[in-house]
Amino acid sequence: MFSLQTIFGKGDKFYGLLEASAAAAHESAAALVRMLDARRSAPSLDEFMLARRREKDLSAQISQELVNTFVTALEREDIEALSAALNKITKAIAKFAERYSLAADRLGDVDFHTRAALLEKAGEVIVQMVAQLRKGMNLETMKSLNDRLQAIENEADRLLLELYRNLYDGRHDAIRILLLKDLFELLEKAIDRCRDAGNVVYQIVLKNS
């Protein structure tokens, strides 16, 4: 005879899957910092492709588990929204890495590291926020983490404005301006994706607290 837990499922497996997804996003950001530190003319994309594949697999597993599980620890739409938001982080980072690899030999003098370090910090906060979901809906703790994430995103916005000011001062040729603008905006987008994921987590806690 099957128990109710066997029939319905505990549903808490989603915590582990979402935590793994957040960890993949953070590892992708850390890989970006390592790539930029190496300053190679032809950087490898293996780590980014691996993180991207892992994220896709996790997303697919979450979708399948939502079909197979009757009772979920979080509301289904919240699980889907958070999974999609985390997936977009690795996608944005992989896109930057691909574009950067095409022009790395021309951009060795450019400081991408400062923005990438902010992205890695944002990834760390996302890992902490997702991990907090399993521990309970503590609004104060989650607000503190979300505030940290917003501060990182605000600093990234400030740096992007500073970049625009430097790009338009007449010292750079048109091709270089296009390259730098594209790459820095991709980094900014990746940080924005972290902010978006953080907002999803925060809204989940607000709804359940």
C-alpha atoms as a PDB file:
ATOM      1  CA  MET A   1       0.000   0.000   0.000  1.00  0.00           C
ATOM      2  CA  PHE A   2       1.388   3.387  -1.011  1.00  0.00           C
ATOM      3  CA  SER A   3       1.712   6.193   1.504  1.00  0.00           C
ATOM      4  CA  LEU A   4       0.369   9.655   0.763  1.00  0.00           C
ATOM      5  CA  GLN A   5       3.952  10.869   0.510  1.00  0.00           C
ATOM      6  CA  THR A   6       4.641   8.293  -2.193  1.00  0.00           C
ATOM      7  CA  ILE A   7       1.482   9.232  -4.095  1.00  0.00           C
ATOM      8  CA  PHE A   8       1.749  13.000  -3.838  1.00  0.00           C
ATOM      9  CA  GLY A   9       5.482  13.559  -3.329  1.00  0.00           C
ATOM     10  CA  LYS A  10       6.938  15.886  -0.754  1.00  0.00           C
ATOM     11  CA  GLY A  11       7.702  18.480  -3.393  1.00  0.00           C
ATOM     12  CA  ASP A  12      10.784  19.697  -1.535  1.00  0.00           C
ATOM     13  CA  LYS A  13      13.007  18.278  -4.291  1.00  0.00           C
ATOM     14  CA  PHE A  14      12.494  21.620  -6.020  1.00  0.00           C
ATOM     15  CA  TYR A  15      14.586  23.386  -3.393  1.00  0.00           C
ATOM     16  CA  GLY A  16      17.574  21.263  -4.364  1.00  0.00           C
ATOM     17  CA  LEU A  17      17.018  21.752  -8.084  1.00  0.00           C
ATOM     18  CA  LEU A  18      16.676  25.521  -7.741  1.00  0.00           C
ATOM     19  CA  GLU A  19      19.759  25.668  -5.509  1.00  0.00           C
ATOM     20  CA  ALA A  20      21.723  23.710  -8.114  1.00  0.00           C
ATOM     21  CA  SER A  21      20.496  26.117 -10.789  1.00  0.00           C
ATOM     22  CA  ALA A  22      21.603  29.131  -8.736  1.00  0.00           C
ATOM     23  CA  ALA A  23      24.987  27.470  -8.153  1.00  0.00           C
ATOM     24  CA  ALA A  24      25.398  26.946 -11.919  1.00  0.00           C
ATOM     25  CA  ALA A  25      24.710  30.647 -12.512  1.00  0.00           C
ATOM     26  CA  HIS A  26      27.256  31.641  -9.869  1.00  0.00           C
ATOM     27  CA  GLU A  27      29.871  29.250 -11.263  1.00  0.00           C
ATOM     28  CA  SER A  28      29.347  30.746 -14.697  1.00  0.00           C
ATOM     29  CA  ALA A  29      30.051  34.213 -13.286  1.00  0.00           C
ATOM     30  CA  ALA A  30      33.147  32.920 -11.475  1.00  0.00           C
ATOM     31  CA  ALA A  31      34.361  31.317 -14.720  1.00  0.00           C
ATOM     32  CA  LEU A  32      33.998  34.695 -16.421  1.00  0.00           C
ATOM     33  CA  VAL A  33      36.217  36.351 -13.818  1.00  0.00           C
ATOM     34  CA  ARG A  34      38.831  33.632 -14.335  1.00  0.00           C
ATOM     35  CA  MET A  35      38.687  34.040 -18.102  1.00  0.00           C
ATOM     36  CA  LEU A  36      39.158  37.795 -17.910  1.00  0.00           C
ATOM     37  CA  ASP A  37      42.005  37.427 -15.411  1.00  0.00           C
ATOM     38  CA  ALA A  38      43.827  35.093 -17.809  1.00  0.00           C
ATOM     39  CA  ARG A  39      43.774  37.743 -20.570  1.00  0.00           C
ATOM     40  CA  ARG A  40      44.252  35.171 -23.326  1.00  0.00           C
ATOM     41  CA  SER A  41      43.874  36.194 -26.956  1.00  0.00           C
ATOM     42  CA  ALA A  42      41.728  33.103 -27.634  1.00  0.00           C
ATOM     43  CA  PRO A  43      39.913  32.246 -24.375  1.00  0.00           C
ATOM     44  CA  SER A  44      38.201  28.880 -23.967  1.00  0.00           C
ATOM     45  CA  LEU A  45      34.417  28.746 -23.778  1.00  0.00           C
ATOM     46  CA  ASP A  46      34.286  25.219 -22.317  1.00  0.00           C
ATOM     47  CA  GLU A  47      33.311  26.276 -18.780  1.00  0.00           C
ATOM     48  CA  PHE A  48      30.504  28.482 -20.054  1.00  0.00           C
ATOM     49  CA  MET A  49      29.128  25.833 -22.349  1.00  0.00           C
ATOM     50  CA  LEU A  50      29.241  23.322 -19.491  1.00  0.00           C
ATOM     51  CA  ALA A  51      27.407  25.687 -17.117  1.00  0.00           C
ATOM     52  CA  ARG A  52      24.873  26.491 -19.827  1.00  0.00           C
ATOM     53  CA  ARG A  53      24.235  22.813 -20.535  1.00  0.00           C
ATOM     54  CA  ARG A  54      23.898  22.103 -16.822  1.00  0.00           C
ATOM     55  CA  GLU A  55      21.421  24.958 -16.448  1.00  0.00           C
ATOM     56  CA  LYS A  56      19.344  23.707 -19.376  1.00  0.00           C
ATOM     57  CA  ASP A  57      19.306  20.191 -17.930  1.00  0.00           C
ATOM     58  CA  LEU A  58      18.181  21.503 -14.553  1.00  0.00           C
ATOM     59  CA  SER A  59      15.472  23.618 -16.167  1.00  0.00           C
ATOM     60  CA  ALA A  60      14.210  20.605 -18.089  1.00  0.00           C
ATOM     61  CA  GLN A  61      14.279  18.483 -14.934  1.00  0.00           C
ATOM     62  CA  ILE A  62      12.300  21.090 -13.014  1.00  0.00           C
ATOM     63  CA  SER A  63       9.688  21.192 -15.781  1.00  0.00           C
ATOM     64  CA  GLN A  64       9.404  17.410 -15.769  1.00  0.00           C
ATOM     65  CA  GLU A  65       9.176  17.213 -11.984  1.00  0.00           C
ATOM     66  CA  LEU A  66       6.368  19.782 -12.023  1.00  0.00           C
ATOM     67  CA  VAL A  67       4.437  17.401 -14.262  1.00  0.00           C
ATOM     68  CA  ASN A  68       5.183  14.376 -12.069  1.00  0.00           C
ATOM     69  CA  THR A  69       4.691  15.955  -8.634  1.00  0.00           C
ATOM     70  CA  PHE A  70       1.241  16.560  -7.209  1.00  0.00           C
ATOM     71  CA  VAL A  71       2.266  18.658  -4.203  1.00  0.00           C
ATOM     72  CA  THR A  72       5.078  21.222  -4.463  1.00  0.00           C
ATOM     73  CA  ALA A  73       6.936  23.054  -1.697  1.00  0.00           C
ATOM     74  CA  LEU A  74       6.388  26.348  -3.522  1.00  0.00           C
ATOM     75  CA  GLU A  75       3.622  27.398  -5.871  1.00  0.00           C
ATOM     76  CA  ARG A  76       4.157  25.999  -9.356  1.00  0.00           C
ATOM     77  CA  GLU A  77       4.190  29.375 -11.073  1.00  0.00           C
ATOM     78  CA  ASP A  78       6.822  30.599  -8.612  1.00  0.00           C
ATOM     79  CA  ILE A  79       9.040  27.583  -9.302  1.00  0.00           C
ATOM     80  CA  GLU A  80       8.680  28.137 -13.044  1.00  0.00           C
ATOM     81  CA  ALA A  81       9.388  31.874 -12.760  1.00  0.00           C
ATOM     82  CA  LEU A  82      12.497  31.377 -10.632  1.00  0.00           C
ATOM     83  CA  SER A  83      13.813  28.574 -12.844  1.00  0.00           C
ATOM     84  CA  ALA A  84      13.382  30.777 -15.928  1.00  0.00           C
ATOM     85  CA  ALA A  85      15.078  33.750 -14.225  1.00  0.00           C
ATOM     86  CA  LEU A  86      18.094  31.653 -13.160  1.00  0.00           C
ATOM     87  CA  ASN A  87      18.362  30.180 -16.642  1.00  0.00           C
ATOM     88  CA  LYS A  88      18.612  33.663 -18.137  1.00  0.00           C
ATOM     89  CA  ILE A  89      21.683  34.473 -16.000  1.00  0.00           C
ATOM     90  CA  THR A  90      23.875  31.752 -17.519  1.00  0.00           C
ATOM     91  CA  LYS A  91      22.492  32.574 -20.959  1.00  0.00           C
ATOM     92  CA  ALA A  92      23.534  36.226 -20.631  1.00  0.00           C
ATOM     93  CA  ILE A  93      27.003  35.300 -19.317  1.00  0.00           C
ATOM     94  CA  ALA A  94      27.582  32.773 -22.098  1.00  0.00           C
ATOM     95  CA  LYS A  95      26.598  35.382 -24.666  1.00  0.00           C
ATOM     96  CA  PHE A  96      29.158  37.832 -23.276  1.00  0.00           C
ATOM     97  CA  ALA A  97      31.869  35.145 -23.234  1.00  0.00           C
ATOM     98  CA  GLU A  98      31.172  34.236 -26.854  1.00  0.00           C
ATOM     99  CA  ARG A  99      31.329  37.855 -28.032  1.00  0.00           C
ATOM    100  CA  TYR A 100      34.413  38.606 -25.945  1.00  0.00           C
ATOM    101  CA  SER A 101      36.267  35.582 -27.348  1.00  0.00           C
ATOM    102  CA  LEU A 102      35.873  37.000 -30.860  1.00  0.00           C
ATOM    103  CA  ALA A 103      37.653  40.247 -29.997  1.00  0.00           C
ATOM    104  CA  ALA A 104      39.811  39.394 -26.962  1.00  0.00           C
ATOM    105  CA  ASP A 105      43.070  40.082 -28.843  1.00  0.00           C
ATOM    106  CA  ARG A 106      41.941  43.675 -29.444  1.00  0.00           C
ATOM    107  CA  LEU A 107      40.676  44.383 -25.938  1.00  0.00           C
ATOM    108  CA  GLY A 108      43.542  43.353 -23.677  1.00  0.00           C
ATOM    109  CA  ASP A 109      43.832  46.885 -22.286  1.00  0.00           C
ATOM    110  CA  VAL A 110      40.155  47.126 -21.259  1.00  0.00           C
ATOM    111  CA  ASP A 111      39.044  46.605 -17.669  1.00  0.00           C
ATOM    112  CA  PHE A 112      36.124  44.206 -17.784  1.00  0.00           C
ATOM    113  CA  HIS A 113      37.169  42.690 -14.478  1.00  0.00           C
ATOM    114  CA  THR A 114      35.513  45.341 -12.281  1.00  0.00           C
ATOM    115  CA  ARG A 115      32.086  44.653 -13.790  1.00  0.00           C
ATOM    116  CA  ALA A 116      32.639  40.890 -13.854  1.00  0.00           C
ATOM    117  CA  ALA A 117      33.531  40.985 -10.146  1.00  0.00           C
ATOM    118  CA  LEU A 118      30.201  42.720  -9.469  1.00  0.00           C
ATOM    119  CA  LEU A 119      28.470  39.992 -11.462  1.00  0.00           C
ATOM    120  CA  GLU A 120      30.170  37.297  -9.387  1.00  0.00           C
ATOM    121  CA  LYS A 121      29.075  39.046  -6.182  1.00  0.00           C
ATOM    122  CA  ALA A 122      25.527  39.199  -7.513  1.00  0.00           C
ATOM    123  CA  GLY A 123      25.723  35.477  -8.222  1.00  0.00           C
ATOM    124  CA  GLU A 124      26.833  34.825  -4.643  1.00  0.00           C
ATOM    125  CA  VAL A 125      23.824  36.732  -3.318  1.00  0.00           C
ATOM    126  CA  ILE A 126      21.479  34.775  -5.592  1.00  0.00           C
ATOM    127  CA  VAL A 127      22.864  31.499  -4.220  1.00  0.00           C
ATOM    128  CA  GLN A 128      22.196  32.728  -0.676  1.00  0.00           C
ATOM    129  CA  MET A 129      18.688  33.947  -1.501  1.00  0.00           C
ATOM    130  CA  VAL A 130      17.644  30.679  -3.142  1.00  0.00           C
ATOM    131  CA  ALA A 131      19.130  28.686  -0.240  1.00  0.00           C
ATOM    132  CA  GLN A 132      17.036  30.741   2.201  1.00  0.00           C
ATOM    133  CA  LEU A 133      13.790  29.500   0.645  1.00  0.00           C
ATOM    134  CA  ARG A 134      14.205  26.040   2.146  1.00  0.00           C
ATOM    135  CA  LYS A 135      14.941  27.552   5.565  1.00  0.00           C
ATOM    136  CA  GLY A 136      11.627  29.413   5.762  1.00  0.00           C
ATOM    137  CA  MET A 137      10.074  32.654   4.594  1.00  0.00           C
ATOM    138  CA  ASN A 138      12.154  35.080   6.667  1.00  0.00           C
ATOM    139  CA  LEU A 139      11.249  38.446   5.208  1.00  0.00           C
ATOM    140  CA  GLU A 140      13.894  40.424   7.114  1.00  0.00           C
ATOM    141  CA  THR A 141      16.740  38.183   5.989  1.00  0.00           C
ATOM    142  CA  MET A 142      15.527  38.152   2.402  1.00  0.00           C
ATOM    143  CA  LYS A 143      15.088  41.930   2.329  1.00  0.00           C
ATOM    144  CA  SER A 144      18.675  42.365   3.510  1.00  0.00           C
ATOM    145  CA  LEU A 145      19.959  40.080   0.744  1.00  0.00           C
ATOM    146  CA  ASN A 146      17.770  41.756  -1.863  1.00  0.00           C
ATOM    147  CA  ASP A 147      19.033  45.177  -0.768  1.00  0.00           C
ATOM    148  CA  ARG A 148      22.604  43.945  -1.301  1.00  0.00           C
ATOM    149  CA  LEU A 149      21.662  42.789  -4.763  1.00  0.00           C
ATOM    150  CA  GLN A 150      20.068  46.133  -5.589  1.00  0.00           C
ATOM    151  CA  ALA A 151      23.200  47.939  -4.389  1.00  0.00           C
ATOM    152  CA  ILE A 152      25.351  45.813  -6.714  1.00  0.00           C
ATOM    153  CA  GLU A 153      23.020  46.552  -9.613  1.00  0.00           C
ATOM    154  CA  ASN A 154      23.102  50.300  -8.826  1.00  0.00           C
ATOM    155  CA  GLU A 155      26.907  50.255  -8.827  1.00  0.00           C
ATOM    156  CA  ALA A 156      26.863  48.479 -12.191  1.00  0.00           C
ATOM    157  CA  ASP A 157      24.552  51.196 -13.547  1.00  0.00           C
ATOM    158  CA  ARG A 158      26.958  53.866 -12.303  1.00  0.00           C
ATOM    159  CA  LEU A 159      29.894  52.172 -13.997  1.00  0.00           C
ATOM    160  CA  LEU A 160      27.965  51.872 -17.246  1.00  0.00           C
ATOM    161  CA  LEU A 161      27.176  55.592 -17.209  1.00  0.00           C
ATOM    162  CA  GLU A 162      30.860  56.275 -16.592  1.00  0.00           C
ATOM    163  CA  LEU A 163      31.704  54.074 -19.571  1.00  0.00           C
ATOM    164  CA  TYR A 164      29.373  56.017 -21.860  1.00  0.00           C
ATOM    165  CA  ARG A 165      31.008  59.246 -20.765  1.00  0.00           C
ATOM    166  CA  ASN A 166      34.450  57.865 -21.663  1.00  0.00           C
ATOM    167  CA  LEU A 167      33.352  56.344 -24.964  1.00  0.00           C
ATOM    168  CA  TYR A 168      31.883  59.563 -26.266  1.00  0.00           C
ATOM    169  CA  ASP A 169      34.828  61.826 -25.467  1.00  0.00           C
ATOM    170  CA  GLY A 170      36.280  61.466 -28.984  1.00  0.00           C
ATOM    171  CA  ARG A 171      39.334  59.336 -28.156  1.00  0.00           C
ATOM    172  CA  HIS A 172      38.025  56.041 -29.555  1.00  0.00           C
ATOM    173  CA  ASP A 173      37.422  54.944 -33.145  1.00  0.00           C
ATOM    174  CA  ALA A 174      33.948  53.854 -34.179  1.00  0.00           C
ATOM    175  CA  ILE A 175      34.671  50.097 -34.238  1.00  0.00           C
ATOM    176  CA  ARG A 176      36.142  50.153 -30.749  1.00  0.00           C
ATOM    177  CA  ILE A 177      33.170  52.124 -29.448  1.00  0.00           C
ATOM    178  CA  LEU A 178      30.756  49.549 -30.866  1.00  0.00           C
ATOM    179  CA  LEU A 179      32.749  46.643 -29.409  1.00  0.00           C
ATOM    180  CA  LEU A 180      33.024  48.133 -25.946  1.00  0.00           C
ATOM    181  CA  LYS A 181      29.431  49.331 -25.845  1.00  0.00           C
ATOM    182  CA  ASP A 182      28.152  45.894 -26.854  1.00  0.00           C
ATOM    183  CA  LEU A 183      30.306  43.971 -24.379  1.00  0.00           C
ATOM    184  CA  PHE A 184      29.750  46.229 -21.394  1.00  0.00           C
ATOM    185  CA  GLU A 185      26.005  46.261 -22.013  1.00  0.00           C
ATOM    186  CA  LEU A 186      26.023  42.450 -22.106  1.00  0.00           C
ATOM    187  CA  LEU A 187      27.754  42.425 -18.714  1.00  0.00           C
ATOM    188  CA  GLU A 188      25.202  44.905 -17.422  1.00  0.00           C
ATOM    189  CA  LYS A 189      22.417  42.688 -18.743  1.00  0.00           C
ATOM    190  CA  ALA A 190      23.833  39.671 -16.889  1.00  0.00           C
ATOM    191  CA  ILE A 191      23.809  41.665 -13.639  1.00  0.00           C
ATOM    192  CA  ASP A 192      20.244  42.766 -14.401  1.00  0.00           C
ATOM    193  CA  ARG A 193      19.304  39.101 -14.796  1.00  0.00           C
ATOM    194  CA  CYS A 194      20.634  38.458 -11.292  1.00  0.00           C
ATOM    195  CA  ARG A 195      18.526  41.333 -10.019  1.00  0.00           C
ATOM    196  CA  ASP A 196      15.482  39.882 -11.778  1.00  0.00           C
ATOM    197  CA  ALA A 197      16.051  36.469 -10.165  1.00  0.00           C
ATOM    198  CA  GLY A 198      16.445  38.151  -6.785  1.00  0.00           C
ATOM    199  CA  ASN A 199      13.174  39.993  -7.295  1.00  0.00           C
ATOM    200  CA  VAL A 200      11.403  36.694  -8.016  1.00  0.00           C
ATOM    201  CA  VAL A 201      12.751  35.179  -4.787  1.00  0.00           C
ATOM    202  CA  TYR A 202      11.798  38.272  -2.805  1.00  0.00           C
ATOM    203  CA  GLN A 203       8.268  38.248  -4.216  1.00  0.00           C
ATOM    204  CA  ILE A 204       7.910  34.572  -3.270  1.00  0.00           C
ATOM    205  CA  VAL A 205       8.824  35.414   0.317  1.00  0.00           C
ATOM    206  CA  LEU A 206       6.530  38.434   0.403  1.00  0.00           C
ATOM    207  CA  LYS A 207       3.654  36.286  -0.790  1.00  0.00           C
ATOM    208  CA  ASN A 208       4.283  33.564   1.761  1.00  0.00           C
ATOM    209  CA  SER A 209       5.355  35.540   4.823  1.00  0.00           C
END
